[in-house]
Amino acid sequence: CLVVWGICYLVTQRWWVATLAGLLLAVSPVMEVNGVLITPDTYAAFFTAIGLLAAIWLMRQGTLRSYLLAGAAVGLAAGSKYNAVVVAVAVIAAHFLRYRQTREPIVSVDTAKPRGVLLRRWAQTAAPLLLAGLAAAIVFLVTTPGAVISFHQFIHDASAQAHLYATGHIAGIKFGSSLLFYLHSLSGQGLIFPVLVGVGLISLVGRWWRESLVVTIFVVCYGWLISIQVVNYSRDILPVMPALVV
């Protein structure tokens, strides 16, 4: 809730908006129920929220520190639950939105080699994003040492989980449409969430459309990922709840 407060205040500079967002997340039934359970989903929600905060900060500041923080947040999210690594798309989107906003025309006296100039410019803009990726990998390995110590077992277990979610070999939690299941789960959070989704879509053409686009890209990508799975748990929507509130 505090991270959501920070994201909204960073974007809007309005304390009442930030406070309302934090309170909305605090009274969400699915957040309350899972907040007292020992599952990785609550941790994943926290670190994806950190990832969104870092992505927006990166887009506005563009400092090396902001890239490293964003990468570390992605690594922590992936270390808490593997599918939470999707928050990386928010960081990538923030990087390119910042590049689009700050890029300058390429001027070179060496007109015979424009490709080399473009290559150097690409390398300069890609370098901080690659550093963020390196930070994400390091933090993931630090928080998930089994990925190195027992590499083959790690691959086997991760593949088994992916196969399980794809085929649904668990009695009682297989549904005809995962998308409808998760939409139904969101409808159980009260009328405020469909309203917030509508407001979010409108915000894509408003003053803070870049920030809204960063959050929306994550919502769409994560929503697509869990919607193509056959096995469903309502707690799987936890990582996207902070983004919806924002």
Protein backbone atom coordinates (compact mmCIF):
# COMPACT_ATOMS: atom_id res chain seq x y z
CA CYS A 1 0.00 0.00 0.00
CA LEU A 2 2.87 2.36 0.78
CA VAL A 3 4.52 1.59 -2.55
CA VAL A 4 1.27 2.33 -4.41
CA TRP A 5 1.05 5.58 -2.43
CA GLY A 6 4.58 6.41 -3.59
CA ILE A 7 3.85 5.65 -7.23
CA CYS A 8 0.74 7.81 -7.32
CA TYR A 9 2.41 10.68 -5.50
CA LEU A 10 5.43 10.51 -7.81
CA VAL A 11 3.14 10.79 -10.83
CA THR A 12 0.51 13.28 -9.65
CA GLN A 13 2.16 15.17 -6.76
CA ARG A 14 -1.24 15.03 -5.03
CA TRP A 15 -1.28 13.47 -1.57
CA TRP A 16 -5.04 12.83 -1.58
CA VAL A 17 -4.80 10.80 -4.82
CA ALA A 18 -1.93 8.78 -3.39
CA THR A 19 -3.77 8.19 -0.11
CA LEU A 20 -6.95 7.09 -1.90
CA ALA A 21 -4.95 4.60 -3.99
CA GLY A 22 -3.27 3.13 -0.92
CA LEU A 23 -6.59 2.77 0.89
CA LEU A 24 -8.25 1.12 -2.12
CA LEU A 25 -5.54 -1.52 -2.19
CA ALA A 26 -5.73 -1.97 1.59
CA VAL A 27 -9.44 -2.89 1.51
CA SER A 28 -9.20 -5.19 -1.52
CA PRO A 29 -10.63 -8.58 -0.42
CA VAL A 30 -8.14 -10.66 -2.40
CA MET A 31 -5.23 -8.67 -0.93
CA GLU A 32 -6.60 -9.01 2.60
CA VAL A 33 -7.16 -12.77 2.33
CA ASN A 34 -3.75 -13.50 0.84
CA GLY A 35 -1.95 -11.04 3.08
CA VAL A 36 -2.16 -13.53 5.95
CA LEU A 37 -1.25 -16.62 3.93
CA ILE A 38 2.28 -17.91 3.41
CA THR A 39 2.32 -17.93 -0.40
CA PRO A 40 4.75 -16.25 -2.80
CA ASP A 41 1.97 -14.21 -4.41
CA THR A 42 1.94 -11.44 -1.81
CA TYR A 43 5.70 -11.06 -2.12
CA ALA A 44 5.33 -11.01 -5.90
CA ALA A 45 2.71 -8.24 -5.64
CA PHE A 46 5.05 -6.19 -3.45
CA PHE A 47 8.06 -6.53 -5.74
CA THR A 48 6.08 -5.91 -8.93
CA ALA A 49 4.81 -2.71 -7.32
CA ILE A 50 8.44 -1.79 -6.56
CA GLY A 51 9.23 -2.58 -10.19
CA LEU A 52 6.51 -0.22 -11.42
CA LEU A 53 7.74 2.53 -9.10
CA ALA A 54 11.30 2.04 -10.34
CA ALA A 55 10.16 1.99 -13.98
CA ILE A 56 8.36 5.33 -13.67
CA TRP A 57 11.30 6.82 -11.79
CA LEU A 58 13.60 5.55 -14.55
CA MET A 59 11.46 7.14 -17.23
CA ARG A 60 11.56 10.51 -15.46
CA GLN A 61 15.16 10.54 -14.23
CA GLY A 62 17.11 8.21 -16.49
CA THR A 63 20.01 7.97 -14.04
CA LEU A 64 22.22 4.90 -13.70
CA ARG A 65 20.90 4.44 -10.17
CA SER A 66 17.31 4.32 -11.44
CA TYR A 67 18.23 1.63 -13.99
CA LEU A 68 20.01 -0.48 -11.39
CA LEU A 69 17.10 -0.15 -8.97
CA ALA A 70 14.63 -1.14 -11.69
CA GLY A 71 16.74 -4.16 -12.59
CA ALA A 72 17.03 -5.20 -8.96
CA ALA A 73 13.25 -4.93 -8.57
CA VAL A 74 12.73 -7.22 -11.56
CA GLY A 75 15.17 -9.73 -10.08
CA LEU A 76 13.38 -9.67 -6.73
CA ALA A 77 9.99 -10.09 -8.42
CA ALA A 78 11.24 -13.09 -10.39
CA GLY A 79 12.84 -14.50 -7.26
CA SER A 80 9.54 -14.33 -5.39
CA LYS A 81 7.49 -15.96 -8.16
CA TYR A 82 8.79 -16.76 -11.62
CA ASN A 83 5.92 -15.30 -13.65
CA ALA A 84 6.32 -11.95 -11.85
CA VAL A 85 9.34 -11.38 -14.10
CA VAL A 86 6.79 -9.94 -16.55
CA VAL A 87 7.22 -6.62 -14.73
CA ALA A 88 10.37 -6.31 -16.85
CA VAL A 89 8.16 -5.15 -19.74
CA ALA A 90 7.30 -2.03 -17.71
CA VAL A 91 11.00 -1.24 -17.30
CA ILE A 92 11.65 -1.77 -21.02
CA ALA A 93 8.66 0.38 -21.95
CA ALA A 94 9.83 3.14 -19.59
CA HIS A 95 13.28 3.07 -21.17
CA PHE A 96 11.99 3.49 -24.71
CA LEU A 97 9.45 6.12 -23.73
CA ARG A 98 12.24 8.11 -22.11
CA TYR A 99 14.43 7.63 -25.20
CA ARG A 100 11.59 8.81 -27.41
CA GLN A 101 11.14 11.89 -25.26
CA THR A 102 14.80 12.90 -24.98
CA ARG A 103 16.41 11.79 -28.22
CA GLU A 104 18.03 14.39 -30.44
CA PRO A 105 18.49 14.45 -34.21
CA ILE A 106 21.60 12.58 -35.29
CA VAL A 107 23.99 14.99 -36.94
CA SER A 108 27.28 13.77 -38.34
CA VAL A 109 29.75 15.19 -40.81
CA ASP A 110 30.52 11.64 -41.88
CA THR A 111 27.48 11.19 -44.09
CA ALA A 112 29.08 8.25 -45.81
CA LYS A 113 28.68 6.09 -42.71
CA PRO A 114 25.23 6.85 -41.26
CA ARG A 115 24.85 3.22 -40.20
CA GLY A 116 27.85 3.53 -37.88
CA VAL A 117 26.39 6.65 -36.29
CA LEU A 118 23.07 4.89 -35.73
CA LEU A 119 24.87 1.89 -34.27
CA ARG A 120 26.77 4.07 -31.79
CA ARG A 121 23.58 5.87 -30.79
CA TRP A 122 21.80 2.55 -30.28
CA ALA A 123 24.67 1.27 -28.16
CA GLN A 124 24.59 4.39 -25.99
CA THR A 125 20.85 4.11 -25.38
CA ALA A 126 20.88 0.33 -24.89
CA ALA A 127 23.77 0.28 -22.40
CA PRO A 128 21.78 1.34 -19.30
CA LEU A 129 19.00 -1.12 -20.15
CA LEU A 130 21.56 -3.91 -20.45
CA LEU A 131 22.95 -2.93 -17.05
CA ALA A 132 19.43 -3.15 -15.63
CA GLY A 133 19.14 -6.63 -17.12
CA LEU A 134 22.45 -7.63 -15.55
CA ALA A 135 21.29 -6.31 -12.17
CA ALA A 136 18.07 -8.31 -12.52
CA ALA A 137 19.98 -11.51 -13.26
CA ILE A 138 22.38 -11.02 -10.34
CA VAL A 139 19.62 -10.28 -7.84
CA PHE A 140 17.57 -13.24 -9.08
CA LEU A 141 20.52 -15.60 -8.63
CA VAL A 142 21.25 -14.19 -5.16
CA THR A 143 17.64 -14.73 -4.08
CA THR A 144 17.33 -18.05 -5.92
CA PRO A 145 20.73 -19.72 -5.44
CA GLY A 146 19.28 -23.12 -6.34
CA ALA A 147 19.19 -21.92 -9.95
CA VAL A 148 22.99 -22.22 -9.91
CA ILE A 149 23.72 -24.79 -7.19
CA SER A 150 21.16 -27.29 -8.50
CA PHE A 151 20.70 -26.09 -12.05
CA HIS A 152 19.25 -29.29 -13.51
CA GLN A 153 16.82 -29.70 -10.60
CA PHE A 154 15.81 -26.05 -10.96
CA ILE A 155 15.07 -26.49 -14.67
CA HIS A 156 13.17 -29.72 -14.00
CA ASP A 157 11.01 -28.22 -11.24
CA ALA A 158 10.32 -24.99 -13.14
CA SER A 159 9.35 -26.96 -16.26
CA ALA A 160 7.09 -29.20 -14.17
CA GLN A 161 5.25 -26.14 -12.80
CA ALA A 162 4.88 -24.68 -16.28
CA HIS A 163 3.51 -27.99 -17.57
CA LEU A 164 1.12 -28.22 -14.63
CA TYR A 165 -0.33 -24.76 -15.26
CA ALA A 166 -0.57 -25.46 -19.00
CA THR A 167 -2.32 -28.82 -18.79
CA GLY A 168 -4.36 -28.48 -15.60
CA HIS A 169 -3.69 -31.87 -14.04
CA ILE A 170 -5.20 -30.82 -10.71
CA ALA A 171 -8.78 -31.75 -9.84
CA GLY A 172 -11.10 -28.92 -8.91
CA ILE A 173 -9.21 -25.90 -10.25
CA LYS A 174 -9.61 -26.34 -13.99
CA PHE A 175 -11.98 -23.88 -15.66
CA GLY A 176 -13.28 -23.45 -19.16
CA SER A 177 -11.94 -19.92 -19.59
CA SER A 178 -9.11 -18.54 -17.52
CA LEU A 179 -9.84 -15.00 -18.70
CA LEU A 180 -13.44 -15.19 -17.46
CA PHE A 181 -12.27 -16.70 -14.19
CA TYR A 182 -9.90 -13.82 -13.49
CA LEU A 183 -12.40 -11.20 -14.61
CA HIS A 184 -14.87 -12.80 -12.20
CA SER A 185 -12.24 -12.65 -9.46
CA LEU A 186 -11.74 -8.94 -10.13
CA SER A 187 -15.47 -8.30 -10.09
CA GLY A 188 -15.48 -9.70 -6.56
CA GLN A 189 -13.26 -6.80 -5.49
CA GLY A 190 -16.15 -4.37 -5.77
CA LEU A 191 -17.41 -1.95 -8.41
CA ILE A 192 -14.44 0.32 -7.90
CA PHE A 193 -12.09 -1.87 -9.96
CA PRO A 194 -14.08 -1.79 -13.24
CA VAL A 195 -14.31 1.96 -12.71
CA LEU A 196 -10.56 2.19 -12.18
CA VAL A 197 -9.92 0.22 -15.36
CA GLY A 198 -12.06 2.70 -17.27
CA VAL A 199 -10.22 5.63 -15.71
CA GLY A 200 -6.94 3.95 -16.61
CA LEU A 201 -7.91 3.68 -20.27
CA ILE A 202 -8.91 7.35 -20.33
CA SER A 203 -5.59 8.29 -18.74
CA LEU A 204 -3.77 6.94 -21.79
CA VAL A 205 -4.68 10.15 -23.60
CA GLY A 206 -4.27 12.47 -20.63
CA ARG A 207 -1.49 14.41 -18.99
CA TRP A 208 0.26 11.33 -17.58
CA TRP A 209 -0.19 9.09 -20.60
CA ARG A 210 3.42 7.85 -20.53
CA GLU A 211 3.15 6.68 -16.93
CA SER A 212 -0.24 5.14 -17.67
CA LEU A 213 1.18 3.33 -20.69
CA VAL A 214 4.01 1.83 -18.62
CA VAL A 215 1.49 0.44 -16.12
CA THR A 216 -0.98 -0.68 -18.79
CA ILE A 217 1.65 -2.64 -20.72
CA PHE A 218 2.43 -4.63 -17.58
CA VAL A 219 -1.28 -5.25 -16.87
CA VAL A 220 -1.90 -6.50 -20.42
CA CYS A 221 1.18 -8.74 -20.56
CA TYR A 222 0.67 -10.27 -17.13
CA GLY A 223 -3.06 -10.67 -17.76
CA TRP A 224 -2.33 -12.45 -21.05
CA LEU A 225 0.14 -14.78 -19.33
CA ILE A 226 -2.25 -15.98 -16.62
CA SER A 227 -5.18 -16.11 -19.06
CA ILE A 228 -3.51 -18.67 -21.33
CA GLN A 229 -2.97 -21.02 -18.39
CA VAL A 230 -5.47 -23.74 -17.62
CA VAL A 231 -4.93 -23.91 -13.85
CA ASN A 232 -6.39 -20.91 -12.05
CA TYR A 233 -5.98 -19.46 -8.59
CA SER A 234 -7.54 -16.16 -7.57
CA ARG A 235 -4.26 -15.27 -5.85
CA ASP A 236 -2.57 -15.20 -9.26
CA ILE A 237 -4.03 -11.72 -9.79
CA LEU A 238 -2.19 -10.30 -6.77
CA PRO A 239 0.85 -9.06 -8.75
CA VAL A 240 -1.43 -7.01 -11.01
CA MET A 241 -3.56 -5.50 -8.24
CA PRO A 242 -1.19 -2.60 -7.41
CA ALA A 243 -0.99 -1.76 -11.12
CA LEU A 244 -4.79 -1.67 -11.45
CA VAL A 245 -5.08 0.63 -8.46
CA VAL A 246 -2.36 2.91 -9.81
